[in-house]
C-alpha cells in the first residue's frame, strides 16, 4: 500500500504540473541558444515572490517525512525552441556521498521552451522518514543541446546534528604540507586550521587559526595543501595541524620531517671518496711491489723454511766428502 508520504508527493506534483507556465522573454535578447557568439540558455532557481534577485542555489529545510517544493527556471533567449531533459543527482554533478538526487522529482523530465521564453518547472523533494539529520547536497541536472548545467540543491534535515572533523594523512614534501580533512558528522562544516612546526632548536613555523576557503559536506574527504616557503636547510621538524569548526568539531594530527642538504653533501663527499679510492689503490700497488721475488718462485707446498733446511743438508754433505 502506498505510504501517506508517497500520496502527498504525487498530489503536490500533480498540482505543480498544472502550474507549469512559460513566460515570454524580452525580444531584445536574440541569437541561437547554444551557438558560439549567441546568447546561451540558462537554468537557475526561480526568482522569489517579488520577482527580483536571484538565488545561486536551492536551499530547502524540513524534518524527516516531509515533502518540500520549489521551482526551476529555464530561459531560452534563442530564436528556436529548446528541449531540455531534467534529472536529479547526488551532490553537485552527482559526486556527493550524502546526496538528495534520489529524493528529487521534477514535474516533467523533458520540457520544450519556446524561443525567447522562460519556463518555470516545479519540483518536489521528499525527505525520507529515516533521513539522517543535518546537511545533504544534491543537484538538478539540466541537459539541452550540447550543454549540461547543474543547479545545486542544499537540504537541511531537521533533528539532532553532529559536528565531527578529523585531519589525516599529513605529509611534508618539498615546500608544502599536505593533509586531508574528513567530515565525520552530519552537518556541513567551514573548517579553521592552525599550523605549527618545531625543530631541534626552536619553532620553525607558526600560523594562527584561520578559516579555510572550503565547505566540507558530511562524509566528504578534501585534500588540501599548506605552503611552507622557508623550510630549514638542516633540521628535524615536528609539524602539527589543528582543525576546528562550529559545533565543537576539532581534530589534530602530526607529521615528522627531516631536512638534509643532500646536494652540498654529495658535492663535498665526491672529492673525499675519490681521494680515498686513489690512496687505497696506491697502497695496494706499493704492497705488491714489496713482495720478494723468491716468494713467487717457491714450489707449491713448500715454505721458505723448507728451502733453508734443504740448503743446510747440502752443505753438511759437502763437508763430509772433503
C-alpha atoms as a PDB file:
ATOM      1  CA  UNK A   1       0.000   0.000   0.000  1.00  0.00           C
ATOM      2  CA  UNK A   2       1.465   3.396  -0.934  1.00  0.00           C
ATOM      3  CA  UNK A   3       2.636   5.417   2.048  1.00  0.00           C
ATOM      4  CA  UNK A   4       0.978   8.739   3.031  1.00  0.00           C
ATOM      5  CA  UNK A   5       4.214  10.474   2.081  1.00  0.00           C
ATOM      6  CA  UNK A   6       4.029   8.991  -1.428  1.00  0.00           C
ATOM      7  CA  UNK A   7       0.389  10.114  -1.825  1.00  0.00           C
ATOM      8  CA  UNK A   8       1.333  13.603  -0.727  1.00  0.00           C
ATOM      9  CA  UNK A   9       4.248  13.777  -3.138  1.00  0.00           C
ATOM     10  CA  UNK A  10       2.093  12.673  -6.107  1.00  0.00           C
ATOM     11  CA  UNK A  11      -0.629  15.154  -5.163  1.00  0.00           C
ATOM     12  CA  UNK A  12       1.848  18.002  -4.924  1.00  0.00           C
ATOM     13  CA  UNK A  13       3.408  17.075  -8.249  1.00  0.00           C
ATOM     14  CA  UNK A  14       0.019  16.956  -9.920  1.00  0.00           C
ATOM     15  CA  UNK A  15      -0.836  20.421  -8.667  1.00  0.00           C
ATOM     16  CA  UNK A  16       2.557  21.811  -9.618  1.00  0.00           C
ATOM     17  CA  UNK A  17       2.385  20.263 -13.084  1.00  0.00           C
ATOM     18  CA  UNK A  18      -0.795  22.183 -13.720  1.00  0.00           C
ATOM     19  CA  UNK A  19       1.074  25.316 -12.696  1.00  0.00           C
ATOM     20  CA  UNK A  20       3.864  24.759 -15.249  1.00  0.00           C
ATOM     21  CA  UNK A  21       3.947  28.026 -17.110  1.00  0.00           C
ATOM     22  CA  UNK A  22       6.025  29.805 -19.678  1.00  0.00           C
ATOM     23  CA  UNK A  23       6.852  33.486 -19.631  1.00  0.00           C
ATOM     24  CA  UNK A  24       7.987  35.476 -22.694  1.00  0.00           C
ATOM     25  CA  UNK A  25      11.486  36.887 -22.545  1.00  0.00           C
ATOM     26  CA  UNK A  26      12.250  40.395 -23.766  1.00  0.00           C
ATOM     27  CA  UNK A  27      12.635  40.384 -27.547  1.00  0.00           C
ATOM     28  CA  UNK A  28      15.808  42.408 -27.262  1.00  0.00           C
ATOM     29  CA  UNK A  29      17.696  39.216 -26.401  1.00  0.00           C
ATOM     30  CA  UNK A  30      18.446  37.467 -29.692  1.00  0.00           C
ATOM     31  CA  UNK A  31      20.717  34.799 -31.096  1.00  0.00           C
ATOM     32  CA  UNK A  32      20.687  30.985 -31.160  1.00  0.00           C
ATOM     33  CA  UNK A  33      20.544  29.206 -27.806  1.00  0.00           C
ATOM     34  CA  UNK A  34      23.790  27.277 -27.954  1.00  0.00           C
ATOM     35  CA  UNK A  35      25.812  28.627 -30.857  1.00  0.00           C
ATOM     36  CA  UNK A  36      29.129  30.438 -30.252  1.00  0.00           C
ATOM     37  CA  UNK A  37      28.590  34.170 -30.151  1.00  0.00           C
ATOM     38  CA  UNK A  38      24.863  33.854 -29.360  1.00  0.00           C
ATOM     39  CA  UNK A  39      23.056  34.031 -26.007  1.00  0.00           C
ATOM     40  CA  UNK A  40      23.108  30.640 -24.258  1.00  0.00           C
ATOM     41  CA  UNK A  41      20.153  29.187 -22.393  1.00  0.00           C
ATOM     42  CA  UNK A  42      20.259  29.288 -18.609  1.00  0.00           C
ATOM     43  CA  UNK A  43      18.921  27.207 -15.740  1.00  0.00           C
ATOM     44  CA  UNK A  44      18.677  28.556 -12.188  1.00  0.00           C
ATOM     45  CA  UNK A  45      16.351  28.693  -9.203  1.00  0.00           C
ATOM     46  CA  UNK A  46      13.207  30.645  -9.937  1.00  0.00           C
ATOM     47  CA  UNK A  47      13.007  34.149  -8.507  1.00  0.00           C
ATOM     48  CA  UNK A  48      11.124  34.746  -5.258  1.00  0.00           C
ATOM     49  CA  UNK A  49       7.656  36.188  -4.875  1.00  0.00           C
ATOM     50  CA  UNK A  50       8.887  39.705  -5.581  1.00  0.00           C
ATOM     51  CA  UNK A  51      10.347  38.571  -8.886  1.00  0.00           C
ATOM     52  CA  UNK A  52      13.633  40.316  -8.160  1.00  0.00           C
ATOM     53  CA  UNK A  53      17.008  38.947  -7.160  1.00  0.00           C
ATOM     54  CA  UNK A  54      18.484  35.575  -7.992  1.00  0.00           C
ATOM     55  CA  UNK A  55      19.444  32.593  -5.853  1.00  0.00           C
ATOM     56  CA  UNK A  56      22.749  30.870  -6.512  1.00  0.00           C
ATOM     57  CA  UNK A  57      21.279  27.511  -5.411  1.00  0.00           C
ATOM     58  CA  UNK A  58      18.192  25.938  -3.835  1.00  0.00           C
ATOM     59  CA  UNK A  59      18.029  25.808  -0.057  1.00  0.00           C
ATOM     60  CA  UNK A  60      15.344  23.584   1.442  1.00  0.00           C
ATOM     61  CA  UNK A  61      14.742  22.672   5.071  1.00  0.00           C
ATOM     62  CA  UNK A  62      12.392  20.275   6.810  1.00  0.00           C
ATOM     63  CA  UNK A  63      12.152  17.300   9.170  1.00  0.00           C
ATOM     64  CA  UNK A  64      12.148  13.671   8.001  1.00  0.00           C
ATOM     65  CA  UNK A  65       8.909  12.599   6.301  1.00  0.00           C
ATOM     66  CA  UNK A  66       8.064  15.978   4.763  1.00  0.00           C
ATOM     67  CA  UNK A  67       7.583  16.993   1.113  1.00  0.00           C
ATOM     68  CA  UNK A  68       9.315  20.206   0.070  1.00  0.00           C
ATOM     69  CA  UNK A  69       8.743  22.091  -3.177  1.00  0.00           C
ATOM     70  CA  UNK A  70      10.327  24.786  -5.327  1.00  0.00           C
ATOM     71  CA  UNK A  71      10.635  25.869  -8.978  1.00  0.00           C
ATOM     72  CA  UNK A  72      13.434  25.744 -11.563  1.00  0.00           C
ATOM     73  CA  UNK A  73      13.621  28.413 -14.289  1.00  0.00           C
ATOM     74  CA  UNK A  74      14.926  27.540 -17.761  1.00  0.00           C
ATOM     75  CA  UNK A  75      15.371  30.551 -20.034  1.00  0.00           C
ATOM     76  CA  UNK A  76      15.697  30.245 -23.824  1.00  0.00           C
ATOM     77  CA  UNK A  77      16.840  33.547 -25.404  1.00  0.00           C
ATOM     78  CA  UNK A  78      17.333  31.952 -28.822  1.00  0.00           C
ATOM     79  CA  UNK A  79      15.227  32.139 -31.967  1.00  0.00           C
ATOM     80  CA  UNK A  80      14.194  28.471 -31.981  1.00  0.00           C
ATOM     81  CA  UNK A  81      12.566  26.183 -29.407  1.00  0.00           C
ATOM     82  CA  UNK A  82      14.814  24.461 -26.873  1.00  0.00           C
ATOM     83  CA  UNK A  83      14.186  20.994 -25.436  1.00  0.00           C
ATOM     84  CA  UNK A  84      15.880  20.154 -22.142  1.00  0.00           C
ATOM     85  CA  UNK A  85      15.918  16.987 -20.036  1.00  0.00           C
ATOM     86  CA  UNK A  86      15.829  17.123 -16.241  1.00  0.00           C
ATOM     87  CA  UNK A  87      17.138  14.647 -13.671  1.00  0.00           C
ATOM     88  CA  UNK A  88      18.315  14.568 -10.080  1.00  0.00           C
ATOM     89  CA  UNK A  89      21.876  13.885  -8.960  1.00  0.00           C
ATOM     90  CA  UNK A  90      23.594  13.293  -5.632  1.00  0.00           C
ATOM     91  CA  UNK A  91      25.864  16.185  -4.796  1.00  0.00           C
ATOM     92  CA  UNK A  92      26.991  18.852  -7.233  1.00  0.00           C
ATOM     93  CA  UNK A  93      27.440  16.997 -10.502  1.00  0.00           C
ATOM     94  CA  UNK A  94      26.499  13.661  -8.899  1.00  0.00           C
ATOM     95  CA  UNK A  95      29.743  13.378  -6.894  1.00  0.00           C
ATOM     96  CA  UNK A  96      28.381  13.684  -3.374  1.00  0.00           C
ATOM     97  CA  UNK A  97      28.431  10.891  -0.816  1.00  0.00           C
ATOM     98  CA  UNK A  98      25.358  12.030   1.135  1.00  0.00           C
ATOM     99  CA  UNK A  99      23.140  13.363  -1.643  1.00  0.00           C
ATOM    100  CA  UNK A 100      19.489  14.036  -2.387  1.00  0.00           C
ATOM    101  CA  UNK A 101      19.254  13.110  -6.070  1.00  0.00           C
ATOM    102  CA  UNK A 102      17.002  10.106  -5.494  1.00  0.00           C
ATOM    103  CA  UNK A 103      14.630  12.253  -3.408  1.00  0.00           C
ATOM    104  CA  UNK A 104      14.067  14.815  -6.212  1.00  0.00           C
ATOM    105  CA  UNK A 105      11.105  14.646  -8.625  1.00  0.00           C
ATOM    106  CA  UNK A 106      10.551  17.261 -11.333  1.00  0.00           C
ATOM    107  CA  UNK A 107       7.041  17.920 -12.697  1.00  0.00           C
ATOM    108  CA  UNK A 108       8.357  16.823 -16.120  1.00  0.00           C
ATOM    109  CA  UNK A 109      11.512  15.036 -17.154  1.00  0.00           C
ATOM    110  CA  UNK A 110      11.552  16.779 -20.554  1.00  0.00           C
ATOM    111  CA  UNK A 111      10.479  20.346 -21.242  1.00  0.00           C
ATOM    112  CA  UNK A 112      10.373  22.284 -24.527  1.00  0.00           C
ATOM    113  CA  UNK A 113      10.896  26.001 -24.042  1.00  0.00           C
ATOM    114  CA  UNK A 114       9.733  28.230 -26.928  1.00  0.00           C
ATOM    115  CA  UNK A 115      12.043  30.872 -28.368  1.00  0.00           C
ATOM    116  CA  UNK A 116      12.637  33.939 -26.172  1.00  0.00           C
ATOM    117  CA  UNK A 117      10.717  32.340 -23.332  1.00  0.00           C
ATOM    118  CA  UNK A 118      11.294  31.270 -19.757  1.00  0.00           C
ATOM    119  CA  UNK A 119       9.726  28.081 -18.378  1.00  0.00           C
ATOM    120  CA  UNK A 120       9.285  27.550 -14.627  1.00  0.00           C
ATOM    121  CA  UNK A 121       9.394  23.839 -13.825  1.00  0.00           C
ATOM    122  CA  UNK A 122       8.075  22.813 -10.378  1.00  0.00           C
ATOM    123  CA  UNK A 123       9.750  20.011  -8.453  1.00  0.00           C
ATOM    124  CA  UNK A 124       9.387  18.258  -5.116  1.00  0.00           C
ATOM    125  CA  UNK A 125      11.891  16.853  -2.674  1.00  0.00           C
ATOM    126  CA  UNK A 126      10.578  14.103  -0.422  1.00  0.00           C
ATOM    127  CA  UNK A 127      12.612  13.721   2.758  1.00  0.00           C
ATOM    128  CA  UNK A 128      12.523  10.041   3.798  1.00  0.00           C
ATOM    129  CA  UNK A 129      11.292   9.204   7.281  1.00  0.00           C
ATOM    130  CA  UNK A 130      14.694   7.734   8.145  1.00  0.00           C
ATOM    131  CA  UNK A 131      16.817  10.560   6.711  1.00  0.00           C
ATOM    132  CA  UNK A 132      19.820  11.499   8.807  1.00  0.00           C
ATOM    133  CA  UNK A 133      19.510  14.944  10.395  1.00  0.00           C
ATOM    134  CA  UNK A 134      21.951  17.521   9.132  1.00  0.00           C
ATOM    135  CA  UNK A 135      23.094  18.857   5.767  1.00  0.00           C
ATOM    136  CA  UNK A 136      22.623  16.994   2.497  1.00  0.00           C
ATOM    137  CA  UNK A 137      23.524  18.067  -1.019  1.00  0.00           C
ATOM    138  CA  UNK A 138      22.218  17.354  -4.484  1.00  0.00           C
ATOM    139  CA  UNK A 139      21.595  18.917  -7.863  1.00  0.00           C
ATOM    140  CA  UNK A 140      19.074  19.173 -10.680  1.00  0.00           C
ATOM    141  CA  UNK A 141      20.902  18.357 -13.899  1.00  0.00           C
ATOM    142  CA  UNK A 142      19.586  20.181 -16.982  1.00  0.00           C
ATOM    143  CA  UNK A 143      20.757  18.907 -20.382  1.00  0.00           C
ATOM    144  CA  UNK A 144      19.957  20.620 -23.652  1.00  0.00           C
ATOM    145  CA  UNK A 145      21.755  20.792 -26.981  1.00  0.00           C
ATOM    146  CA  UNK A 146      25.473  20.352 -26.331  1.00  0.00           C
ATOM    147  CA  UNK A 147      25.384  21.755 -22.784  1.00  0.00           C
ATOM    148  CA  UNK A 148      24.720  20.463 -19.292  1.00  0.00           C
ATOM    149  CA  UNK A 149      24.038  22.650 -16.251  1.00  0.00           C
ATOM    150  CA  UNK A 150      23.963  21.509 -12.607  1.00  0.00           C
ATOM    151  CA  UNK A 151      21.730  23.576 -10.341  1.00  0.00           C
ATOM    152  CA  UNK A 152      22.772  22.884  -6.749  1.00  0.00           C
ATOM    153  CA  UNK A 153      20.312  21.847  -4.053  1.00  0.00           C
ATOM    154  CA  UNK A 154      21.183  22.138  -0.364  1.00  0.00           C
ATOM    155  CA  UNK A 155      18.931  20.383   2.108  1.00  0.00           C
ATOM    156  CA  UNK A 156      18.892  20.728   5.882  1.00  0.00           C
ATOM    157  CA  UNK A 157      17.064  17.846   7.549  1.00  0.00           C
ATOM    158  CA  UNK A 158      15.788  18.762  10.996  1.00  0.00           C
ATOM    159  CA  UNK A 159      16.846  16.841  14.100  1.00  0.00           C
ATOM    160  CA  UNK A 160      19.961  16.399  16.254  1.00  0.00           C
ATOM    161  CA  UNK A 161      23.164  17.344  14.464  1.00  0.00           C
ATOM    162  CA  UNK A 162      26.691  16.092  14.997  1.00  0.00           C
ATOM    163  CA  UNK A 163      29.754  18.131  14.085  1.00  0.00           C
ATOM    164  CA  UNK A 164      32.840  15.926  13.754  1.00  0.00           C
ATOM    165  CA  UNK A 165      36.014  16.749  11.825  1.00  0.00           C
ATOM    166  CA  UNK A 166      39.362  14.950  11.547  1.00  0.00           C
ATOM    167  CA  UNK A 167      42.660  15.796   9.835  1.00  0.00           C
ATOM    168  CA  UNK A 168      44.519  12.840   8.342  1.00  0.00           C
ATOM    169  CA  UNK A 169      47.359  11.826   6.004  1.00  0.00           C
ATOM    170  CA  UNK A 170      49.683  14.691   6.934  1.00  0.00           C
ATOM    171  CA  UNK A 171      52.892  14.699   4.879  1.00  0.00           C
ATOM    172  CA  UNK A 172      55.718  17.180   4.272  1.00  0.00           C
ATOM    173  CA  UNK A 173      57.138  17.270   0.763  1.00  0.00           C
ATOM    174  CA  UNK A 174      59.440  19.970  -0.513  1.00  0.00           C
ATOM    175  CA  UNK A 175      57.950  23.316   0.462  1.00  0.00           C
ATOM    176  CA  UNK A 176      54.434  22.044   1.087  1.00  0.00           C
ATOM    177  CA  UNK A 177      52.444  20.416   3.882  1.00  0.00           C
ATOM    178  CA  UNK A 178      49.691  18.182   2.518  1.00  0.00           C
ATOM    179  CA  UNK A 179      46.755  16.845   4.519  1.00  0.00           C
ATOM    180  CA  UNK A 180      43.186  15.551   4.255  1.00  0.00           C
ATOM    181  CA  UNK A 181      40.100  16.884   6.062  1.00  0.00           C
ATOM    182  CA  UNK A 182      37.299  14.386   6.710  1.00  0.00           C
ATOM    183  CA  UNK A 183      33.788  15.382   7.809  1.00  0.00           C
ATOM    184  CA  UNK A 184      32.599  12.532  10.003  1.00  0.00           C
ATOM    185  CA  UNK A 185      29.440  14.263  11.213  1.00  0.00           C
ATOM    186  CA  UNK A 186      26.080  15.041   9.617  1.00  0.00           C
ATOM    187  CA  UNK A 187      26.394  18.803   9.095  1.00  0.00           C
ATOM    188  CA  UNK A 188      28.428  20.799   6.582  1.00  0.00           C
ATOM    189  CA  UNK A 189      31.449  22.492   8.115  1.00  0.00           C
ATOM    190  CA  UNK A 190      33.590  25.550   7.383  1.00  0.00           C
ATOM    191  CA  UNK A 191      36.910  24.455   8.959  1.00  0.00           C
ATOM    192  CA  UNK A 192      39.598  26.588  10.571  1.00  0.00           C
ATOM    193  CA  UNK A 193      43.232  25.462  10.693  1.00  0.00           C
ATOM    194  CA  UNK A 194      46.305  26.341  12.754  1.00  0.00           C
ATOM    195  CA  UNK A 195      49.796  25.189  11.726  1.00  0.00           C
ATOM    196  CA  UNK A 196      52.960  24.852  13.800  1.00  0.00           C
ATOM    197  CA  UNK A 197      56.354  23.261  13.159  1.00  0.00           C
ATOM    198  CA  UNK A 198      59.037  22.802  15.837  1.00  0.00           C
ATOM    199  CA  UNK A 199      62.649  21.936  15.114  1.00  0.00           C
ATOM    200  CA  UNK A 200      65.623  20.900  17.230  1.00  0.00           C
ATOM    201  CA  UNK A 201      66.477  24.467  18.215  1.00  0.00           C
ATOM    202  CA  UNK A 202      63.008  26.036  18.362  1.00  0.00           C
ATOM    203  CA  UNK A 203      59.877  26.976  16.422  1.00  0.00           C
ATOM    204  CA  UNK A 204      60.230  26.923  12.638  1.00  0.00           C
ATOM    205  CA  UNK A 205      56.670  27.821  11.590  1.00  0.00           C
ATOM    206  CA  UNK A 206      53.665  29.207  13.440  1.00  0.00           C
ATOM    207  CA  UNK A 207      50.348  30.246  11.854  1.00  0.00           C
ATOM    208  CA  UNK A 208      47.337  31.184  13.913  1.00  0.00           C
ATOM    209  CA  UNK A 209      43.944  29.623  13.193  1.00  0.00           C
ATOM    210  CA  UNK A 210      42.225  30.920  10.074  1.00  0.00           C
ATOM    211  CA  UNK A 211      39.117  29.901   8.122  1.00  0.00           C
ATOM    212  CA  UNK A 212      39.784  27.812   5.031  1.00  0.00           C
ATOM    213  CA  UNK A 213      38.001  28.695   1.760  1.00  0.00           C
ATOM    214  CA  UNK A 214      36.234  25.313   1.607  1.00  0.00           C
ATOM    215  CA  UNK A 215      32.961  23.838   2.809  1.00  0.00           C
ATOM    216  CA  UNK A 216      33.218  20.162   3.740  1.00  0.00           C
ATOM    217  CA  UNK A 217      29.973  18.222   3.366  1.00  0.00           C
ATOM    218  CA  UNK A 218      29.054  15.245   5.574  1.00  0.00           C
ATOM    219  CA  UNK A 219      31.123  12.206   4.637  1.00  0.00           C
ATOM    220  CA  UNK A 220      33.353  14.218   2.298  1.00  0.00           C
ATOM    221  CA  UNK A 221      37.173  13.990   2.164  1.00  0.00           C
ATOM    222  CA  UNK A 222      39.051  17.094   0.976  1.00  0.00           C
ATOM    223  CA  UNK A 223      42.773  17.037   0.129  1.00  0.00           C
ATOM    224  CA  UNK A 224      44.479  20.374   0.838  1.00  0.00           C
ATOM    225  CA  UNK A 225      47.976  21.888   0.770  1.00  0.00           C
ATOM    226  CA  UNK A 226      49.641  24.381   3.107  1.00  0.00           C
ATOM    227  CA  UNK A 227      52.646  26.198   1.658  1.00  0.00           C
ATOM    228  CA  UNK A 228      55.903  26.376   3.648  1.00  0.00           C
ATOM    229  CA  UNK A 229      58.387  28.514   1.779  1.00  0.00           C
ATOM    230  CA  UNK A 230      61.059  28.999   4.457  1.00  0.00           C
ATOM    231  CA  UNK A 231      61.857  25.357   5.131  1.00  0.00           C
ATOM    232  CA  UNK A 232      65.090  24.799   7.106  1.00  0.00           C
ATOM    233  CA  UNK A 233      68.233  23.660   5.328  1.00  0.00           C
ATOM    234  CA  UNK A 234      69.220  21.200   8.063  1.00  0.00           C
ATOM    235  CA  UNK A 235      66.847  20.188  10.855  1.00  0.00           C
ATOM    236  CA  UNK A 236      64.394  17.594  12.139  1.00  0.00           C
ATOM    237  CA  UNK A 237      60.892  19.046  12.497  1.00  0.00           C
ATOM    238  CA  UNK A 238      57.561  18.016  14.013  1.00  0.00           C
ATOM    239  CA  UNK A 239      54.619  19.517  12.112  1.00  0.00           C
ATOM    240  CA  UNK A 240      51.303  19.830  13.978  1.00  0.00           C
ATOM    241  CA  UNK A 241      47.931  20.675  12.371  1.00  0.00           C
ATOM    242  CA  UNK A 242      44.858  21.601  14.414  1.00  0.00           C
ATOM    243  CA  UNK A 243      41.430  21.997  12.797  1.00  0.00           C
ATOM    244  CA  UNK A 244      38.216  23.283  14.344  1.00  0.00           C
ATOM    245  CA  UNK A 245      34.688  24.068  13.150  1.00  0.00           C
ATOM    246  CA  UNK A 246      31.350  25.223  14.504  1.00  0.00           C
ATOM    247  CA  UNK A 247      29.520  22.841  16.806  1.00  0.00           C
ATOM    248  CA  UNK A 248      32.625  21.805  18.736  1.00  0.00           C
ATOM    249  CA  UNK A 249      34.291  19.875  15.907  1.00  0.00           C
ATOM    250  CA  UNK A 250      38.050  19.591  16.288  1.00  0.00           C
ATOM    251  CA  UNK A 251      40.901  17.370  15.189  1.00  0.00           C
ATOM    252  CA  UNK A 252      44.699  17.239  15.364  1.00  0.00           C
ATOM    253  CA  UNK A 253      47.465  15.356  13.582  1.00  0.00           C
ATOM    254  CA  UNK A 254      51.265  15.492  13.402  1.00  0.00           C
ATOM    255  CA  UNK A 255      53.981  14.517  10.969  1.00  0.00           C
ATOM    256  CA  UNK A 256      57.776  14.419  11.205  1.00  0.00           C
ATOM    257  CA  UNK A 257      60.192  15.605   8.552  1.00  0.00           C
ATOM    258  CA  UNK A 258      63.995  15.601   8.271  1.00  0.00           C
ATOM    259  CA  UNK A 259      65.654  18.289   6.189  1.00  0.00           C
ATOM    260  CA  UNK A 260      69.134  17.487   4.820  1.00  0.00           C
ATOM    261  CA  UNK A 261      71.010  19.495   2.152  1.00  0.00           C
ATOM    262  CA  UNK A 262      71.771  16.467   0.012  1.00  0.00           C
ATOM    263  CA  UNK A 263      73.222  18.413  -2.924  1.00  0.00           C
ATOM    264  CA  UNK A 264      76.023  20.151  -0.961  1.00  0.00           C
ATOM    265  CA  UNK A 265      76.760  16.994   0.976  1.00  0.00           C
ATOM    266  CA  UNK A 266      77.003  14.965  -2.196  1.00  0.00           C
ATOM    267  CA  UNK A 267      79.230  17.546  -3.873  1.00  0.00           C
ATOM    268  CA  UNK A 268      81.582  17.611  -0.849  1.00  0.00           C
ATOM    269  CA  UNK A 269      81.668  13.849  -0.469  1.00  0.00           C
ATOM    270  CA  UNK A 270      82.737  13.090  -4.018  1.00  0.00           C
ATOM    271  CA  UNK A 271      86.301  14.511  -3.672  1.00  0.00           C
ATOM    272  CA  UNK A 272      86.726  12.703  -0.356  1.00  0.00           C
ATOM    273  CA  UNK A 273      85.623   9.411  -1.854  1.00  0.00           C
ATOM    274  CA  UNK A 274      87.874   9.938  -4.875  1.00  0.00           C
ATOM    275  CA  UNK A 275      90.913  10.680  -2.674  1.00  0.00           C
ATOM    276  CA  UNK A 276      90.201   7.634  -0.507  1.00  0.00           C
ATOM    277  CA  UNK A 277      89.961   5.436  -3.571  1.00  0.00           C
ATOM    278  CA  UNK A 278      93.207   6.768  -5.010  1.00  0.00           C
ATOM    279  CA  UNK A 279      95.029   6.275  -1.698  1.00  0.00           C
ATOM    280  CA  UNK A 280      93.807   2.699  -1.403  1.00  0.00           C
ATOM    281  CA  UNK A 281      94.921   1.916  -4.927  1.00  0.00           C
ATOM    282  CA  UNK A 282      98.421   3.374  -4.333  1.00  0.00           C
ATOM    283  CA  UNK A 283      98.818   1.410  -1.097  1.00  0.00           C
ATOM    284  CA  UNK A 284      97.878  -1.793  -2.845  1.00  0.00           C
ATOM    285  CA  UNK A 285     100.385  -1.168  -5.619  1.00  0.00           C
ATOM    286  CA  UNK A 286     103.144  -0.476  -3.067  1.00  0.00           C
ATOM    287  CA  UNK A 287     102.446  -3.674  -1.172  1.00  0.00           C
ATOM    288  CA  UNK A 288     102.511  -5.632  -4.402  1.00  0.00           C
ATOM    289  CA  UNK A 289     105.895  -4.166  -5.344  1.00  0.00           C
ATOM    290  CA  UNK A 290     107.458  -5.041  -1.952  1.00  0.00           C
ATOM    291  CA  UNK A 291     106.861  -8.792  -2.265  1.00  0.00           C
ATOM    292  CA  UNK A 292     110.145 -10.865  -2.569  1.00  0.00           C
ATOM    293  CA  UNK A 293     110.854 -12.460  -5.933  1.00  0.00           C
ATOM    294  CA  UNK A 294     111.657 -15.873  -4.386  1.00  0.00           C
ATOM    295  CA  UNK A 295     108.206 -15.875  -2.819  1.00  0.00           C
ATOM    296  CA  UNK A 296     106.746 -16.053  -6.271  1.00  0.00           C
ATOM    297  CA  UNK A 297     109.194 -18.840  -7.363  1.00  0.00           C
ATOM    298  CA  UNK A 298     108.508 -21.067  -4.363  1.00  0.00           C
ATOM    299  CA  UNK A 299     107.254 -24.515  -5.403  1.00  0.00           C
ATOM    300  CA  UNK A 300     103.764 -25.301  -4.298  1.00  0.00           C
ATOM    301  CA  UNK A 301     103.529 -26.835  -0.824  1.00  0.00           C
ATOM    302  CA  UNK A 302     106.991 -25.654   0.294  1.00  0.00           C
ATOM    303  CA  UNK A 303     107.683 -22.832   2.706  1.00  0.00           C
ATOM    304  CA  UNK A 304     110.842 -20.653   2.989  1.00  0.00           C
ATOM    305  CA  UNK A 305     111.900 -22.748   5.999  1.00  0.00           C
ATOM    306  CA  UNK A 306     111.844 -25.868   3.836  1.00  0.00           C
ATOM    307  CA  UNK A 307     114.334 -24.272   1.441  1.00  0.00           C
ATOM    308  CA  UNK A 308     116.599 -23.280   4.339  1.00  0.00           C
ATOM    309  CA  UNK A 309     116.664 -26.822   5.741  1.00  0.00           C
ATOM    310  CA  UNK A 310     117.396 -28.238   2.321  1.00  0.00           C
ATOM    311  CA  UNK A 311     120.376 -25.902   1.890  1.00  0.00           C
ATOM    312  CA  UNK A 312     121.842 -26.925   5.241  1.00  0.00           C
ATOM    313  CA  UNK A 313     121.665 -30.579   4.277  1.00  0.00           C
ATOM    314  CA  UNK A 314     123.571 -29.905   1.054  1.00  0.00           C
ATOM    315  CA  UNK A 315     126.273 -28.023   2.954  1.00  0.00           C
ATOM    316  CA  UNK A 316     126.686 -30.825   5.541  1.00  0.00           C
ATOM    317  CA  UNK A 317     127.091 -33.445   2.819  1.00  0.00           C
ATOM    318  CA  UNK A 318     129.720 -31.435   1.007  1.00  0.00           C
ATOM    319  CA  UNK A 319     131.754 -31.054   4.192  1.00  0.00           C
ATOM    320  CA  UNK A 320     131.801 -34.859   4.862  1.00  0.00           C
ATOM    321  CA  UNK A 321     133.323 -35.619   1.466  1.00  0.00           C
ATOM    322  CA  UNK A 322     136.112 -33.088   1.644  1.00  0.00           C
END
